[in-house]
Amino acid sequence: VPPPTEAVRATGAIDCLACADRACLRGEACPHV
């Protein structure tokens, strides 16, 4: 099973489309910001 998608690239820039969890769409705080 591959690891969870990282929403933050190696450069530190956030990539919301690459996020596998998308907690924000469940009304939860984003853990990557």
ModelCIF file with pLDDT and N, C-alpha, C, O atoms, coordinates in Angstrom:
data_MODEL
#
_entry.id   MODEL 
#
_entity.id                         1 
_entity.type                       polymer 
_entity.pdbx_number_of_molecules   1 
#
_entity_poly.entity_id                      1 
_entity_poly.type                           'polypeptide(L)' 
_entity_poly.nstd_linkage                   no 
_entity_poly.nstd_monomer                   no 
_entity_poly.pdbx_seq_one_letter_code       VPPPTEAVRATGAIDCLACADRACLRGEACPHV 
_entity_poly.pdbx_seq_one_letter_code_can   VPPPTEAVRATGAIDCLACADRACLRGEACPHV 
_entity_poly.pdbx_strand_id                 A 
#
loop_
_entity_poly_seq.entity_id 
_entity_poly_seq.num 
_entity_poly_seq.mon_id 
_entity_poly_seq.hetero 
1 1  VAL n 
1 2  PRO n 
1 3  PRO n 
1 4  PRO n 
1 5  THR n 
1 6  GLU n 
1 7  ALA n 
1 8  VAL n 
1 9  ARG n 
1 10 ALA n 
1 11 THR n 
1 12 GLY n 
1 13 ALA n 
1 14 ILE n 
1 15 ASP n 
1 16 CYS n 
1 17 LEU n 
1 18 ALA n 
1 19 CYS n 
1 20 ALA n 
1 21 ASP n 
1 22 ARG n 
1 23 ALA n 
1 24 CYS n 
1 25 LEU n 
1 26 ARG n 
1 27 GLY n 
1 28 GLU n 
1 29 ALA n 
1 30 CYS n 
1 31 PRO n 
1 32 HIS n 
1 33 VAL n 
#
_struct_asym.id          A 
_struct_asym.entity_id   1 
#
loop_
_ma_qa_metric.id 
_ma_qa_metric.mode 
_ma_qa_metric.name 
_ma_qa_metric.software_group_id 
_ma_qa_metric.type 
1 global pLDDT . pLDDT 
2 local  pLDDT . pLDDT 
#
_ma_qa_metric_global.metric_id      1 
_ma_qa_metric_global.metric_value   70.12 
_ma_qa_metric_global.model_id       1 
_ma_qa_metric_global.ordinal_id     1 
#
loop_
_ma_qa_metric_local.label_asym_id 
_ma_qa_metric_local.label_comp_id 
_ma_qa_metric_local.label_seq_id 
_ma_qa_metric_local.metric_id 
_ma_qa_metric_local.metric_value 
_ma_qa_metric_local.model_id 
_ma_qa_metric_local.ordinal_id 
A VAL 1  2 33.00 1 1  
A PRO 2  2 36.00 1 2  
A PRO 3  2 40.00 1 3  
A PRO 4  2 42.00 1 4  
A THR 5  2 51.00 1 5  
A GLU 6  2 60.00 1 6  
A ALA 7  2 63.00 1 7  
A VAL 8  2 66.00 1 8  
A ARG 9  2 62.00 1 9  
A ALA 10 2 60.00 1 10 
A THR 11 2 63.00 1 11 
A GLY 12 2 67.00 1 12 
A ALA 13 2 77.00 1 13 
A ILE 14 2 80.00 1 14 
A ASP 15 2 82.00 1 15 
A CYS 16 2 84.00 1 16 
A LEU 17 2 82.00 1 17 
A ALA 18 2 81.00 1 18 
A CYS 19 2 81.00 1 19 
A ALA 20 2 77.00 1 20 
A ASP 21 2 76.00 1 21 
A ARG 22 2 79.00 1 22 
A ALA 23 2 81.00 1 23 
A CYS 24 2 81.00 1 24 
A LEU 25 2 79.00 1 25 
A ARG 26 2 76.00 1 26 
A GLY 27 2 76.00 1 27 
A GLU 28 2 80.00 1 28 
A ALA 29 2 80.00 1 29 
A CYS 30 2 82.00 1 30 
A PRO 31 2 80.00 1 31 
A HIS 32 2 79.00 1 32 
A VAL 33 2 78.00 1 33 
#
loop_
_atom_site.group_PDB 
_atom_site.id 
_atom_site.type_symbol 
_atom_site.label_atom_id 
_atom_site.label_alt_id 
_atom_site.label_comp_id 
_atom_site.label_asym_id 
_atom_site.label_entity_id 
_atom_site.label_seq_id 
_atom_site.pdbx_PDB_ins_code 
_atom_site.Cartn_x 
_atom_site.Cartn_y 
_atom_site.Cartn_z 
_atom_site.occupancy 
_atom_site.B_iso_or_equiv 
_atom_site.pdbx_formal_charge 
_atom_site.auth_seq_id 
_atom_site.auth_comp_id 
_atom_site.auth_asym_id 
_atom_site.auth_atom_id 
_atom_site.pdbx_PDB_model_num 
ATOM 1   N N  . VAL A 1 1  ? 0.847   -1.174 0.000  1.00 33.00 ? 1  VAL A N  1 
ATOM 2   C CA . VAL A 1 1  ? 0.000   0.000  0.000  1.00 33.00 ? 1  VAL A CA 1 
ATOM 3   C C  . VAL A 1 1  ? 0.889   1.232  0.000  1.00 33.00 ? 1  VAL A C  1 
ATOM 4   O O  . VAL A 1 1  ? 1.675   1.408  0.931  1.00 33.00 ? 1  VAL A O  1 
ATOM 5   N N  . PRO A 1 2  ? 0.796   2.092  -1.009 1.00 36.00 ? 2  PRO A N  1 
ATOM 6   C CA . PRO A 1 2  ? 1.666   3.257  -1.080 1.00 36.00 ? 2  PRO A CA 1 
ATOM 7   C C  . PRO A 1 2  ? 1.398   4.217  0.062  1.00 36.00 ? 2  PRO A C  1 
ATOM 8   O O  . PRO A 1 2  ? 0.299   4.224  0.617  1.00 36.00 ? 2  PRO A O  1 
ATOM 9   N N  . PRO A 1 3  ? 2.374   5.021  0.420  1.00 40.00 ? 3  PRO A N  1 
ATOM 10  C CA . PRO A 1 3  ? 2.207   5.970  1.522  1.00 40.00 ? 3  PRO A CA 1 
ATOM 11  C C  . PRO A 1 3  ? 1.233   7.075  1.140  1.00 40.00 ? 3  PRO A C  1 
ATOM 12  O O  . PRO A 1 3  ? 0.981   7.295  -0.044 1.00 40.00 ? 3  PRO A O  1 
ATOM 13  N N  . PRO A 1 4  ? 0.678   7.778  2.139  1.00 42.00 ? 4  PRO A N  1 
ATOM 14  C CA . PRO A 1 4  ? -0.254  8.862  1.841  1.00 42.00 ? 4  PRO A CA 1 
ATOM 15  C C  . PRO A 1 4  ? 0.387   9.927  0.963  1.00 42.00 ? 4  PRO A C  1 
ATOM 16  O O  . PRO A 1 4  ? 1.578   10.215 1.080  1.00 42.00 ? 4  PRO A O  1 
ATOM 17  N N  . THR A 1 5  ? -0.417  10.503 0.088  1.00 51.00 ? 5  THR A N  1 
ATOM 18  C CA . THR A 1 5  ? 0.083   11.551 -0.782 1.00 51.00 ? 5  THR A CA 1 
ATOM 19  C C  . THR A 1 5  ? 0.510   12.754 0.049  1.00 51.00 ? 5  THR A C  1 
ATOM 20  O O  . THR A 1 5  ? -0.189  13.147 0.984  1.00 51.00 ? 5  THR A O  1 
ATOM 21  N N  . GLU A 1 6  ? 1.639   13.330 -0.284 1.00 60.00 ? 6  GLU A N  1 
ATOM 22  C CA . GLU A 1 6  ? 2.082   14.530 0.386  1.00 60.00 ? 6  GLU A CA 1 
ATOM 23  C C  . GLU A 1 6  ? 1.499   15.742 -0.325 1.00 60.00 ? 6  GLU A C  1 
ATOM 24  O O  . GLU A 1 6  ? 1.724   15.939 -1.519 1.00 60.00 ? 6  GLU A O  1 
ATOM 25  N N  . ALA A 1 7  ? 0.751   16.551 0.413  1.00 63.00 ? 7  ALA A N  1 
ATOM 26  C CA . ALA A 1 7  ? 0.176   17.755 -0.168 1.00 63.00 ? 7  ALA A CA 1 
ATOM 27  C C  . ALA A 1 7  ? 1.206   18.874 -0.228 1.00 63.00 ? 7  ALA A C  1 
ATOM 28  O O  . ALA A 1 7  ? 0.973   19.908 -0.854 1.00 63.00 ? 7  ALA A O  1 
ATOM 29  N N  . VAL A 1 8  ? 2.352   18.664 0.428  1.00 66.00 ? 8  VAL A N  1 
ATOM 30  C CA . VAL A 1 8  ? 3.406   19.669 0.418  1.00 66.00 ? 8  VAL A CA 1 
ATOM 31  C C  . VAL A 1 8  ? 4.605   19.116 -0.325 1.00 66.00 ? 8  VAL A C  1 
ATOM 32  O O  . VAL A 1 8  ? 5.131   18.066 0.045  1.00 66.00 ? 8  VAL A O  1 
ATOM 33  N N  . ARG A 1 9  ? 5.045   19.804 -1.368 1.00 62.00 ? 9  ARG A N  1 
ATOM 34  C CA . ARG A 1 9  ? 6.172   19.350 -2.164 1.00 62.00 ? 9  ARG A CA 1 
ATOM 35  C C  . ARG A 1 9  ? 7.476   19.514 -1.392 1.00 62.00 ? 9  ARG A C  1 
ATOM 36  O O  . ARG A 1 9  ? 7.510   20.093 -0.306 1.00 62.00 ? 9  ARG A O  1 
ATOM 37  N N  . ALA A 1 10 ? 8.540   18.993 -1.977 1.00 60.00 ? 10 ALA A N  1 
ATOM 38  C CA . ALA A 1 10 ? 9.845   19.104 -1.345 1.00 60.00 ? 10 ALA A CA 1 
ATOM 39  C C  . ALA A 1 10 ? 10.270  20.564 -1.208 1.00 60.00 ? 10 ALA A C  1 
ATOM 40  O O  . ALA A 1 10 ? 11.035  20.907 -0.306 1.00 60.00 ? 10 ALA A O  1 
ATOM 41  N N  . THR A 1 11 ? 9.782   21.413 -2.092 1.00 63.00 ? 11 THR A N  1 
ATOM 42  C CA . THR A 1 11 ? 10.128  22.834 -2.038 1.00 63.00 ? 11 THR A CA 1 
ATOM 43  C C  . THR A 1 11 ? 9.390   23.566 -0.939 1.00 63.00 ? 11 THR A C  1 
ATOM 44  O O  . THR A 1 11 ? 9.684   24.729 -0.664 1.00 63.00 ? 11 THR A O  1 
ATOM 45  N N  . GLY A 1 12 ? 8.438   22.905 -0.306 1.00 67.00 ? 12 GLY A N  1 
ATOM 46  C CA . GLY A 1 12 ? 7.646   23.540 0.743  1.00 67.00 ? 12 GLY A CA 1 
ATOM 47  C C  . GLY A 1 12 ? 6.341   24.117 0.234  1.00 67.00 ? 12 GLY A C  1 
ATOM 48  O O  . GLY A 1 12 ? 5.511   24.563 1.027  1.00 67.00 ? 12 GLY A O  1 
ATOM 49  N N  . ALA A 1 13 ? 6.144   24.115 -1.090 1.00 77.00 ? 13 ALA A N  1 
ATOM 50  C CA . ALA A 1 13 ? 4.906   24.647 -1.663 1.00 77.00 ? 13 ALA A CA 1 
ATOM 51  C C  . ALA A 1 13 ? 3.782   23.631 -1.515 1.00 77.00 ? 13 ALA A C  1 
ATOM 52  O O  . ALA A 1 13 ? 3.988   22.432 -1.707 1.00 77.00 ? 13 ALA A O  1 
ATOM 53  N N  . ILE A 1 14 ? 2.611   24.110 -1.177 1.00 80.00 ? 14 ILE A N  1 
ATOM 54  C CA . ILE A 1 14 ? 1.471   23.213 -0.977 1.00 80.00 ? 14 ILE A CA 1 
ATOM 55  C C  . ILE A 1 14 ? 0.837   22.856 -2.313 1.00 80.00 ? 14 ILE A C  1 
ATOM 56  O O  . ILE A 1 14 ? 0.809   23.677 -3.229 1.00 80.00 ? 14 ILE A O  1 
ATOM 57  N N  . ASP A 1 15 ? 0.332   21.640 -2.425 1.00 82.00 ? 15 ASP A N  1 
ATOM 58  C CA . ASP A 1 15 ? -0.338  21.163 -3.640 1.00 82.00 ? 15 ASP A CA 1 
ATOM 59  C C  . ASP A 1 15 ? -1.618  20.459 -3.217 1.00 82.00 ? 15 ASP A C  1 
ATOM 60  O O  . ASP A 1 15 ? -1.611  19.265 -2.921 1.00 82.00 ? 15 ASP A O  1 
ATOM 61  N N  . CYS A 1 16 ? -2.714  21.206 -3.190 1.00 84.00 ? 16 CYS A N  1 
ATOM 62  C CA . CYS A 1 16 ? -3.971  20.664 -2.681 1.00 84.00 ? 16 CYS A CA 1 
ATOM 63  C C  . CYS A 1 16 ? -4.541  19.562 -3.565 1.00 84.00 ? 16 CYS A C  1 
ATOM 64  O O  . CYS A 1 16 ? -5.234  18.674 -3.069 1.00 84.00 ? 16 CYS A O  1 
ATOM 65  N N  . LEU A 1 17 ? -4.258  19.606 -4.875 1.00 82.00 ? 17 LEU A N  1 
ATOM 66  C CA . LEU A 1 17 ? -4.774  18.566 -5.763 1.00 82.00 ? 17 LEU A CA 1 
ATOM 67  C C  . LEU A 1 17 ? -4.085  17.237 -5.538 1.00 82.00 ? 17 LEU A C  1 
ATOM 68  O O  . LEU A 1 17 ? -4.642  16.189 -5.866 1.00 82.00 ? 17 LEU A O  1 
ATOM 69  N N  . ALA A 1 18 ? -2.870  17.259 -4.977 1.00 81.00 ? 18 ALA A N  1 
ATOM 70  C CA . ALA A 1 18 ? -2.141  16.021 -4.731 1.00 81.00 ? 18 ALA A CA 1 
ATOM 71  C C  . ALA A 1 18 ? -2.430  15.451 -3.352 1.00 81.00 ? 18 ALA A C  1 
ATOM 72  O O  . ALA A 1 18 ? -1.888  14.409 -2.985 1.00 81.00 ? 18 ALA A O  1 
ATOM 73  N N  . CYS A 1 19 ? -3.267  16.115 -2.597 1.00 81.00 ? 19 CYS A N  1 
ATOM 74  C CA . CYS A 1 19 ? -3.566  15.674 -1.232 1.00 81.00 ? 19 CYS A CA 1 
ATOM 75  C C  . CYS A 1 19 ? -4.521  14.486 -1.265 1.00 81.00 ? 19 CYS A C  1 
ATOM 76  O O  . CYS A 1 19 ? -5.571  14.546 -1.905 1.00 81.00 ? 19 CYS A O  1 
ATOM 77  N N  . ALA A 1 20 ? -4.157  13.414 -0.581 1.00 77.00 ? 20 ALA A N  1 
ATOM 78  C CA . ALA A 1 20 ? -5.006  12.221 -0.556 1.00 77.00 ? 20 ALA A CA 1 
ATOM 79  C C  . ALA A 1 20 ? -6.054  12.299 0.538  1.00 77.00 ? 20 ALA A C  1 
ATOM 80  O O  . ALA A 1 20 ? -7.089  11.637 0.457  1.00 77.00 ? 20 ALA A O  1 
ATOM 81  N N  . ASP A 1 21 ? -5.798  13.095 1.552  1.00 76.00 ? 21 ASP A N  1 
ATOM 82  C CA . ASP A 1 21 ? -6.685  13.128 2.704  1.00 76.00 ? 21 ASP A CA 1 
ATOM 83  C C  . ASP A 1 21 ? -7.814  14.146 2.538  1.00 76.00 ? 21 ASP A C  1 
ATOM 84  O O  . ASP A 1 21 ? -8.981  13.825 2.765  1.00 76.00 ? 21 ASP A O  1 
ATOM 85  N N  . ARG A 1 22 ? -7.470  15.357 2.147  1.00 79.00 ? 22 ARG A N  1 
ATOM 86  C CA . ARG A 1 22 ? -8.425  16.440 1.946  1.00 79.00 ? 22 ARG A CA 1 
ATOM 87  C C  . ARG A 1 22 ? -9.339  16.627 3.148  1.00 79.00 ? 22 ARG A C  1 
ATOM 88  O O  . ARG A 1 22 ? -10.566 16.596 3.046  1.00 79.00 ? 22 ARG A O  1 
ATOM 89  N N  . ALA A 1 23 ? -8.690  16.821 4.290  1.00 81.00 ? 23 ALA A N  1 
ATOM 90  C CA . ALA A 1 23 ? -9.432  17.019 5.534  1.00 81.00 ? 23 ALA A CA 1 
ATOM 91  C C  . ALA A 1 23 ? -10.320 18.253 5.469  1.00 81.00 ? 23 ALA A C  1 
ATOM 92  O O  . ALA A 1 23 ? -11.376 18.300 6.100  1.00 81.00 ? 23 ALA A O  1 
ATOM 93  N N  . CYS A 1 24 ? -9.889  19.255 4.704  1.00 81.00 ? 24 CYS A N  1 
ATOM 94  C CA . CYS A 1 24 ? -10.657 20.502 4.627  1.00 81.00 ? 24 CYS A CA 1 
ATOM 95  C C  . CYS A 1 24 ? -12.056 20.268 4.080  1.00 81.00 ? 24 CYS A C  1 
ATOM 96  O O  . CYS A 1 24 ? -12.998 20.958 4.469  1.00 81.00 ? 24 CYS A O  1 
ATOM 97  N N  . LEU A 1 25 ? -12.199 19.294 3.176  1.00 79.00 ? 25 LEU A N  1 
ATOM 98  C CA . LEU A 1 25 ? -13.514 19.023 2.595  1.00 79.00 ? 25 LEU A CA 1 
ATOM 99  C C  . LEU A 1 25 ? -14.416 18.290 3.580  1.00 79.00 ? 25 LEU A C  1 
ATOM 100 O O  . LEU A 1 25 ? -15.621 18.179 3.354  1.00 79.00 ? 25 LEU A O  1 
ATOM 101 N N  . ARG A 1 26 ? -13.847 17.794 4.662  1.00 76.00 ? 26 ARG A N  1 
ATOM 102 C CA . ARG A 1 26 ? -14.650 17.173 5.728  1.00 76.00 ? 26 ARG A CA 1 
ATOM 103 C C  . ARG A 1 26 ? -14.923 18.159 6.854  1.00 76.00 ? 26 ARG A C  1 
ATOM 104 O O  . ARG A 1 26 ? -15.493 17.797 7.884  1.00 76.00 ? 26 ARG A O  1 
ATOM 105 N N  . GLY A 1 27 ? -14.509 19.415 6.651  1.00 76.00 ? 27 GLY A N  1 
ATOM 106 C CA . GLY A 1 27 ? -14.723 20.418 7.682  1.00 76.00 ? 27 GLY A CA 1 
ATOM 107 C C  . GLY A 1 27 ? -13.665 20.407 8.760  1.00 76.00 ? 27 GLY A C  1 
ATOM 108 O O  . GLY A 1 27 ? -13.865 20.987 9.827  1.00 76.00 ? 27 GLY A O  1 
ATOM 109 N N  . GLU A 1 28 ? -12.526 19.748 8.502  1.00 80.00 ? 28 GLU A N  1 
ATOM 110 C CA . GLU A 1 28 ? -11.441 19.684 9.475  1.00 80.00 ? 28 GLU A CA 1 
ATOM 111 C C  . GLU A 1 28 ? -10.295 20.596 9.058  1.00 80.00 ? 28 GLU A C  1 
ATOM 112 O O  . GLU A 1 28 ? -10.152 20.932 7.882  1.00 80.00 ? 28 GLU A O  1 
ATOM 113 N N  . ALA A 1 29 ? -9.480  20.992 10.031 1.00 80.00 ? 29 ALA A N  1 
ATOM 114 C CA . ALA A 1 29 ? -8.352  21.869 9.746  1.00 80.00 ? 29 ALA A CA 1 
ATOM 115 C C  . ALA A 1 29 ? -7.310  21.145 8.900  1.00 80.00 ? 29 ALA A C  1 
ATOM 116 O O  . ALA A 1 29 ? -7.042  19.962 9.112  1.00 80.00 ? 29 ALA A O  1 
ATOM 117 N N  . CYS A 1 30 ? -6.726  21.859 7.941  1.00 82.00 ? 30 CYS A N  1 
ATOM 118 C CA . CYS A 1 30 ? -5.690  21.285 7.081  1.00 82.00 ? 30 CYS A CA 1 
ATOM 119 C C  . CYS A 1 30 ? -4.415  21.063 7.881  1.00 82.00 ? 30 CYS A C  1 
ATOM 120 O O  . CYS A 1 30 ? -3.907  22.007 8.485  1.00 82.00 ? 30 CYS A O  1 
ATOM 121 N N  . PRO A 1 31 ? -3.881  19.837 7.905  1.00 80.00 ? 31 PRO A N  1 
ATOM 122 C CA . PRO A 1 31 ? -2.675  19.556 8.689  1.00 80.00 ? 31 PRO A CA 1 
ATOM 123 C C  . PRO A 1 31 ? -1.395  20.036 8.003  1.00 80.00 ? 31 PRO A C  1 
ATOM 124 O O  . PRO A 1 31 ? -0.320  20.002 8.601  1.00 80.00 ? 31 PRO A O  1 
ATOM 125 N N  . HIS A 1 32 ? -1.512  20.488 6.734  1.00 79.00 ? 32 HIS A N  1 
ATOM 126 C CA . HIS A 1 32 ? -0.319  20.843 5.974  1.00 79.00 ? 32 HIS A CA 1 
ATOM 127 C C  . HIS A 1 32 ? 0.006   22.335 6.016  1.00 79.00 ? 32 HIS A C  1 
ATOM 128 O O  . HIS A 1 32 ? 1.090   22.744 5.600  1.00 79.00 ? 32 HIS A O  1 
ATOM 129 N N  . VAL A 1 33 ? -0.918  23.141 6.509  1.00 78.00 ? 33 VAL A N  1 
ATOM 130 C CA . VAL A 1 33 ? -0.693  24.584 6.540  1.00 78.00 ? 33 VAL A CA 1 
ATOM 131 C C  . VAL A 1 33 ? -0.078  24.965 7.874  1.00 78.00 ? 33 VAL A C  1 
ATOM 132 O O  . VAL A 1 33 ? 0.196   26.141 8.114  1.00 78.00 ? 33 VAL A O  1 
#
